[in-house]
């Protein structure tokens, strides 16, 4: 499959970066998870805020790396949340709050934060408790790509922590082929 050319990151009316791999949804996480599963994708929540220099770094330096862009397009169902937004979000446990109150309920302090959900989440659990991985803050391309791969490969179900997986991937990348 040929991917379209990478688009320059754009800023939306809400002041957040917009990317072609982001989904516009009603922000009902139960529906978003079902849709992601129907498409064979993993649900990723991306929490950002207006004017965030680290969000800018991720969008302009990391998410545009061709391998990362391709992984996000082909393997993830990405829903963006505004840390200080007013759009209602429905959590897996049925709690409905504006984005800013949901983010506070979840205890998230940093942007960007990427939260990765498993394919199944109990109806009694809030998103952060169900998450298989949470990456708060901006990281480099290799860390981000390795985390995306680790989530898709269900690395969190095995004995190899992400840190060990990442170290192994970096070591393999350094070896001549």
C-alpha atoms as a PDB file:
ATOM      1  CA  UNK A   1       0.000   0.000   0.000  1.00  0.00           C
ATOM      2  CA  UNK A   2       1.347   3.431  -0.920  1.00  0.00           C
ATOM      3  CA  UNK A   3       0.855   6.144   1.666  1.00  0.00           C
ATOM      4  CA  UNK A   4       0.140   9.724   0.643  1.00  0.00           C
ATOM      5  CA  UNK A   5       2.987  12.172   1.077  1.00  0.00           C
ATOM      6  CA  UNK A   6       3.530  13.460   4.586  1.00  0.00           C
ATOM      7  CA  UNK A   7       1.569  16.623   5.205  1.00  0.00           C
ATOM      8  CA  UNK A   8       2.981  19.570   7.082  1.00  0.00           C
ATOM      9  CA  UNK A   9       1.480  19.748  10.569  1.00  0.00           C
ATOM     10  CA  UNK A  10      -1.354  22.259  10.794  1.00  0.00           C
ATOM     11  CA  UNK A  11      -2.910  24.032  13.751  1.00  0.00           C
ATOM     12  CA  UNK A  12      -6.672  23.670  14.209  1.00  0.00           C
ATOM     13  CA  UNK A  13      -9.140  26.256  15.464  1.00  0.00           C
ATOM     14  CA  UNK A  14      -8.580  24.888  18.982  1.00  0.00           C
ATOM     15  CA  UNK A  15      -4.855  25.704  18.793  1.00  0.00           C
ATOM     16  CA  UNK A  16      -3.836  22.029  18.662  1.00  0.00           C
ATOM     17  CA  UNK A  17      -1.797  20.357  15.950  1.00  0.00           C
ATOM     18  CA  UNK A  18      -3.841  18.280  13.528  1.00  0.00           C
ATOM     19  CA  UNK A  19      -2.609  15.247  11.626  1.00  0.00           C
ATOM     20  CA  UNK A  20      -4.308  13.120   8.970  1.00  0.00           C
ATOM     21  CA  UNK A  21      -4.125  10.041  11.210  1.00  0.00           C
ATOM     22  CA  UNK A  22      -6.271  11.624  13.931  1.00  0.00           C
ATOM     23  CA  UNK A  23      -9.916  10.589  14.128  1.00  0.00           C
ATOM     24  CA  UNK A  24     -12.871  12.886  14.667  1.00  0.00           C
ATOM     25  CA  UNK A  25     -15.184  11.020  17.007  1.00  0.00           C
ATOM     26  CA  UNK A  26     -17.882  11.736  19.566  1.00  0.00           C
ATOM     27  CA  UNK A  27     -15.210  10.950  22.195  1.00  0.00           C
ATOM     28  CA  UNK A  28     -17.142   8.045  23.654  1.00  0.00           C
ATOM     29  CA  UNK A  29     -14.170   5.819  24.412  1.00  0.00           C
ATOM     30  CA  UNK A  30     -16.325   2.682  24.368  1.00  0.00           C
ATOM     31  CA  UNK A  31     -17.423   3.452  20.795  1.00  0.00           C
ATOM     32  CA  UNK A  32     -13.912   4.495  19.786  1.00  0.00           C
ATOM     33  CA  UNK A  33     -12.503   1.203  21.068  1.00  0.00           C
ATOM     34  CA  UNK A  34     -15.162  -0.787  19.211  1.00  0.00           C
ATOM     35  CA  UNK A  35     -14.443   1.102  15.987  1.00  0.00           C
ATOM     36  CA  UNK A  36     -10.683   0.649  16.418  1.00  0.00           C
ATOM     37  CA  UNK A  37     -11.193  -3.084  16.930  1.00  0.00           C
ATOM     38  CA  UNK A  38     -13.485  -3.303  13.884  1.00  0.00           C
ATOM     39  CA  UNK A  39     -10.694  -1.749  11.817  1.00  0.00           C
ATOM     40  CA  UNK A  40      -7.998  -3.962  13.355  1.00  0.00           C
ATOM     41  CA  UNK A  41      -6.316  -0.950  14.959  1.00  0.00           C
ATOM     42  CA  UNK A  42      -5.136  -0.065  18.464  1.00  0.00           C
ATOM     43  CA  UNK A  43      -6.799   2.811  20.307  1.00  0.00           C
ATOM     44  CA  UNK A  44      -4.431   5.612  21.302  1.00  0.00           C
ATOM     45  CA  UNK A  45      -5.524   8.721  23.179  1.00  0.00           C
ATOM     46  CA  UNK A  46      -3.345  11.769  22.562  1.00  0.00           C
ATOM     47  CA  UNK A  47      -3.729  14.523  25.150  1.00  0.00           C
ATOM     48  CA  UNK A  48      -2.345  17.897  24.094  1.00  0.00           C
ATOM     49  CA  UNK A  49      -2.732  21.599  24.858  1.00  0.00           C
ATOM     50  CA  UNK A  50      -2.566  24.892  22.982  1.00  0.00           C
ATOM     51  CA  UNK A  51       0.943  26.373  22.884  1.00  0.00           C
ATOM     52  CA  UNK A  52       2.653  23.209  24.107  1.00  0.00           C
ATOM     53  CA  UNK A  53       6.258  23.312  22.913  1.00  0.00           C
ATOM     54  CA  UNK A  54       6.620  19.561  23.436  1.00  0.00           C
ATOM     55  CA  UNK A  55       3.491  18.826  21.379  1.00  0.00           C
ATOM     56  CA  UNK A  56       4.996  21.015  18.628  1.00  0.00           C
ATOM     57  CA  UNK A  57       8.241  19.008  18.844  1.00  0.00           C
ATOM     58  CA  UNK A  58       6.380  15.711  18.530  1.00  0.00           C
ATOM     59  CA  UNK A  59       4.320  16.895  15.552  1.00  0.00           C
ATOM     60  CA  UNK A  60       7.158  18.629  13.717  1.00  0.00           C
ATOM     61  CA  UNK A  61      10.074  16.290  14.496  1.00  0.00           C
ATOM     62  CA  UNK A  62       8.778  12.870  15.573  1.00  0.00           C
ATOM     63  CA  UNK A  63       5.325  12.105  14.174  1.00  0.00           C
ATOM     64  CA  UNK A  64       6.537  13.144  10.692  1.00  0.00           C
ATOM     65  CA  UNK A  65       9.273  10.499  10.607  1.00  0.00           C
ATOM     66  CA  UNK A  66       8.019   8.252   7.785  1.00  0.00           C
ATOM     67  CA  UNK A  67       8.066   5.017   9.843  1.00  0.00           C
ATOM     68  CA  UNK A  68       6.181   6.670  12.714  1.00  0.00           C
ATOM     69  CA  UNK A  69       3.693   8.368  10.416  1.00  0.00           C
ATOM     70  CA  UNK A  70       3.062   5.027   8.689  1.00  0.00           C
ATOM     71  CA  UNK A  71       2.621   3.211  12.021  1.00  0.00           C
ATOM     72  CA  UNK A  72       0.127   5.805  13.240  1.00  0.00           C
ATOM     73  CA  UNK A  73      -1.840   5.665   9.982  1.00  0.00           C
ATOM     74  CA  UNK A  74      -1.828   1.898   9.571  1.00  0.00           C
ATOM     75  CA  UNK A  75      -1.928   0.527  13.122  1.00  0.00           C
ATOM     76  CA  UNK A  76      -3.575   3.084  15.412  1.00  0.00           C
ATOM     77  CA  UNK A  77      -6.939   4.752  15.897  1.00  0.00           C
ATOM     78  CA  UNK A  78      -5.845   8.073  17.410  1.00  0.00           C
ATOM     79  CA  UNK A  79      -8.261  10.293  19.324  1.00  0.00           C
ATOM     80  CA  UNK A  80      -6.943  13.712  20.331  1.00  0.00           C
ATOM     81  CA  UNK A  81      -8.082  15.288  23.594  1.00  0.00           C
ATOM     82  CA  UNK A  82      -7.509  18.899  24.615  1.00  0.00           C
ATOM     83  CA  UNK A  83      -6.165  19.122  28.170  1.00  0.00           C
ATOM     84  CA  UNK A  84      -8.174  22.323  28.656  1.00  0.00           C
ATOM     85  CA  UNK A  85     -11.028  21.580  26.246  1.00  0.00           C
ATOM     86  CA  UNK A  86     -14.756  21.588  26.837  1.00  0.00           C
ATOM     87  CA  UNK A  87     -15.885  18.759  24.535  1.00  0.00           C
ATOM     88  CA  UNK A  88     -17.541  15.965  26.500  1.00  0.00           C
ATOM     89  CA  UNK A  89     -15.693  12.670  26.824  1.00  0.00           C
ATOM     90  CA  UNK A  90     -17.326   9.408  27.896  1.00  0.00           C
ATOM     91  CA  UNK A  91     -14.911   7.143  29.753  1.00  0.00           C
ATOM     92  CA  UNK A  92     -15.129   3.350  29.668  1.00  0.00           C
ATOM     93  CA  UNK A  93     -16.852   3.383  33.066  1.00  0.00           C
ATOM     94  CA  UNK A  94     -19.615   5.640  31.711  1.00  0.00           C
ATOM     95  CA  UNK A  95     -18.397   8.854  33.355  1.00  0.00           C
ATOM     96  CA  UNK A  96     -19.110  11.851  31.115  1.00  0.00           C
ATOM     97  CA  UNK A  97     -17.043  15.006  31.651  1.00  0.00           C
ATOM     98  CA  UNK A  98     -15.595  17.857  29.591  1.00  0.00           C
ATOM     99  CA  UNK A  99     -12.089  17.054  28.332  1.00  0.00           C
ATOM    100  CA  UNK A 100     -10.417  19.294  30.938  1.00  0.00           C
ATOM    101  CA  UNK A 101     -12.257  17.594  33.807  1.00  0.00           C
ATOM    102  CA  UNK A 102     -11.653  14.106  32.395  1.00  0.00           C
ATOM    103  CA  UNK A 103      -7.932  14.800  32.022  1.00  0.00           C
ATOM    104  CA  UNK A 104      -7.864  16.063  35.633  1.00  0.00           C
ATOM    105  CA  UNK A 105      -9.808  12.969  36.785  1.00  0.00           C
ATOM    106  CA  UNK A 106      -7.221  10.811  35.079  1.00  0.00           C
ATOM    107  CA  UNK A 107      -4.421  12.694  36.858  1.00  0.00           C
ATOM    108  CA  UNK A 108      -2.602  13.627  33.660  1.00  0.00           C
ATOM    109  CA  UNK A 109      -0.158  16.498  34.131  1.00  0.00           C
ATOM    110  CA  UNK A 110       1.965  16.611  30.996  1.00  0.00           C
ATOM    111  CA  UNK A 111       1.396  17.192  27.311  1.00  0.00           C
ATOM    112  CA  UNK A 112       1.660  15.472  25.079  1.00  0.00           C
ATOM    113  CA  UNK A 113       0.545  12.272  26.745  1.00  0.00           C
ATOM    114  CA  UNK A 114      -0.064   9.155  24.675  1.00  0.00           C
ATOM    115  CA  UNK A 115      -2.296   6.555  26.310  1.00  0.00           C
ATOM    116  CA  UNK A 116      -2.619   3.117  24.702  1.00  0.00           C
ATOM    117  CA  UNK A 117      -5.638   0.918  25.389  1.00  0.00           C
ATOM    118  CA  UNK A 118      -6.001  -2.851  25.112  1.00  0.00           C
ATOM    119  CA  UNK A 119      -8.530  -4.381  22.739  1.00  0.00           C
ATOM    120  CA  UNK A 120     -10.936  -5.037  25.625  1.00  0.00           C
ATOM    121  CA  UNK A 121     -11.743  -2.760  28.549  1.00  0.00           C
ATOM    122  CA  UNK A 122     -14.188  -3.585  31.345  1.00  0.00           C
ATOM    123  CA  UNK A 123     -17.132  -1.218  31.714  1.00  0.00           C
ATOM    124  CA  UNK A 124     -16.150  -0.534  35.325  1.00  0.00           C
ATOM    125  CA  UNK A 125     -12.661   0.790  34.560  1.00  0.00           C
ATOM    126  CA  UNK A 126     -11.412   4.291  33.742  1.00  0.00           C
ATOM    127  CA  UNK A 127      -9.037   4.725  30.803  1.00  0.00           C
ATOM    128  CA  UNK A 128      -5.753   5.185  32.731  1.00  0.00           C
ATOM    129  CA  UNK A 129      -6.356   2.068  34.789  1.00  0.00           C
ATOM    130  CA  UNK A 130      -7.060   0.070  31.634  1.00  0.00           C
ATOM    131  CA  UNK A 131      -4.132   1.506  29.657  1.00  0.00           C
ATOM    132  CA  UNK A 132      -1.363  -0.882  28.684  1.00  0.00           C
ATOM    133  CA  UNK A 133       1.107   2.015  28.379  1.00  0.00           C
ATOM    134  CA  UNK A 134       1.148   5.744  29.021  1.00  0.00           C
ATOM    135  CA  UNK A 135       3.880   7.980  27.605  1.00  0.00           C
ATOM    136  CA  UNK A 136       3.835  11.442  29.216  1.00  0.00           C
ATOM    137  CA  UNK A 137       5.923  14.077  27.480  1.00  0.00           C
ATOM    138  CA  UNK A 138       7.954  14.316  24.308  1.00  0.00           C
ATOM    139  CA  UNK A 139      10.386  11.563  23.372  1.00  0.00           C
ATOM    140  CA  UNK A 140      12.631  11.003  20.398  1.00  0.00           C
ATOM    141  CA  UNK A 141      11.754   9.085  17.280  1.00  0.00           C
ATOM    142  CA  UNK A 142      13.358   5.779  18.266  1.00  0.00           C
ATOM    143  CA  UNK A 143      11.625   5.660  21.656  1.00  0.00           C
ATOM    144  CA  UNK A 144       8.284   6.594  20.106  1.00  0.00           C
ATOM    145  CA  UNK A 145       8.557   4.066  17.273  1.00  0.00           C
ATOM    146  CA  UNK A 146       9.644   1.315  19.636  1.00  0.00           C
ATOM    147  CA  UNK A 147       6.721   2.054  21.963  1.00  0.00           C
ATOM    148  CA  UNK A 148       4.260   1.930  19.058  1.00  0.00           C
ATOM    149  CA  UNK A 149       5.707  -1.433  17.991  1.00  0.00           C
ATOM    150  CA  UNK A 150       5.778  -2.786  21.566  1.00  0.00           C
ATOM    151  CA  UNK A 151       2.076  -1.945  21.981  1.00  0.00           C
ATOM    152  CA  UNK A 152       1.077  -3.515  18.649  1.00  0.00           C
ATOM    153  CA  UNK A 153       3.169  -6.608  19.434  1.00  0.00           C
ATOM    154  CA  UNK A 154       1.500  -6.926  22.874  1.00  0.00           C
ATOM    155  CA  UNK A 155       4.883  -6.604  24.560  1.00  0.00           C
ATOM    156  CA  UNK A 156       3.112  -5.637  27.790  1.00  0.00           C
ATOM    157  CA  UNK A 157       1.781  -9.210  28.036  1.00  0.00           C
ATOM    158  CA  UNK A 158       5.257 -10.739  28.122  1.00  0.00           C
ATOM    159  CA  UNK A 159       8.209 -10.727  30.473  1.00  0.00           C
ATOM    160  CA  UNK A 160      10.167  -8.070  28.579  1.00  0.00           C
ATOM    161  CA  UNK A 161       9.445  -4.574  29.905  1.00  0.00           C
ATOM    162  CA  UNK A 162       9.321  -1.720  27.441  1.00  0.00           C
ATOM    163  CA  UNK A 163      12.681  -0.455  28.681  1.00  0.00           C
ATOM    164  CA  UNK A 164      14.337  -3.824  27.956  1.00  0.00           C
ATOM    165  CA  UNK A 165      12.552  -4.072  24.591  1.00  0.00           C
ATOM    166  CA  UNK A 166      13.702  -0.561  23.676  1.00  0.00           C
ATOM    167  CA  UNK A 167      17.308  -1.308  24.705  1.00  0.00           C
ATOM    168  CA  UNK A 168      17.248  -4.514  22.625  1.00  0.00           C
ATOM    169  CA  UNK A 169      15.853  -2.655  19.592  1.00  0.00           C
ATOM    170  CA  UNK A 170      18.535   0.042  19.910  1.00  0.00           C
ATOM    171  CA  UNK A 171      21.240  -2.610  20.205  1.00  0.00           C
ATOM    172  CA  UNK A 172      19.911  -4.427  17.120  1.00  0.00           C
ATOM    173  CA  UNK A 173      19.836  -1.158  15.152  1.00  0.00           C
ATOM    174  CA  UNK A 174      23.524  -0.591  15.982  1.00  0.00           C
ATOM    175  CA  UNK A 175      24.640  -4.007  14.707  1.00  0.00           C
ATOM    176  CA  UNK A 176      25.717  -4.239  11.063  1.00  0.00           C
ATOM    177  CA  UNK A 177      23.405  -6.287   8.885  1.00  0.00           C
END
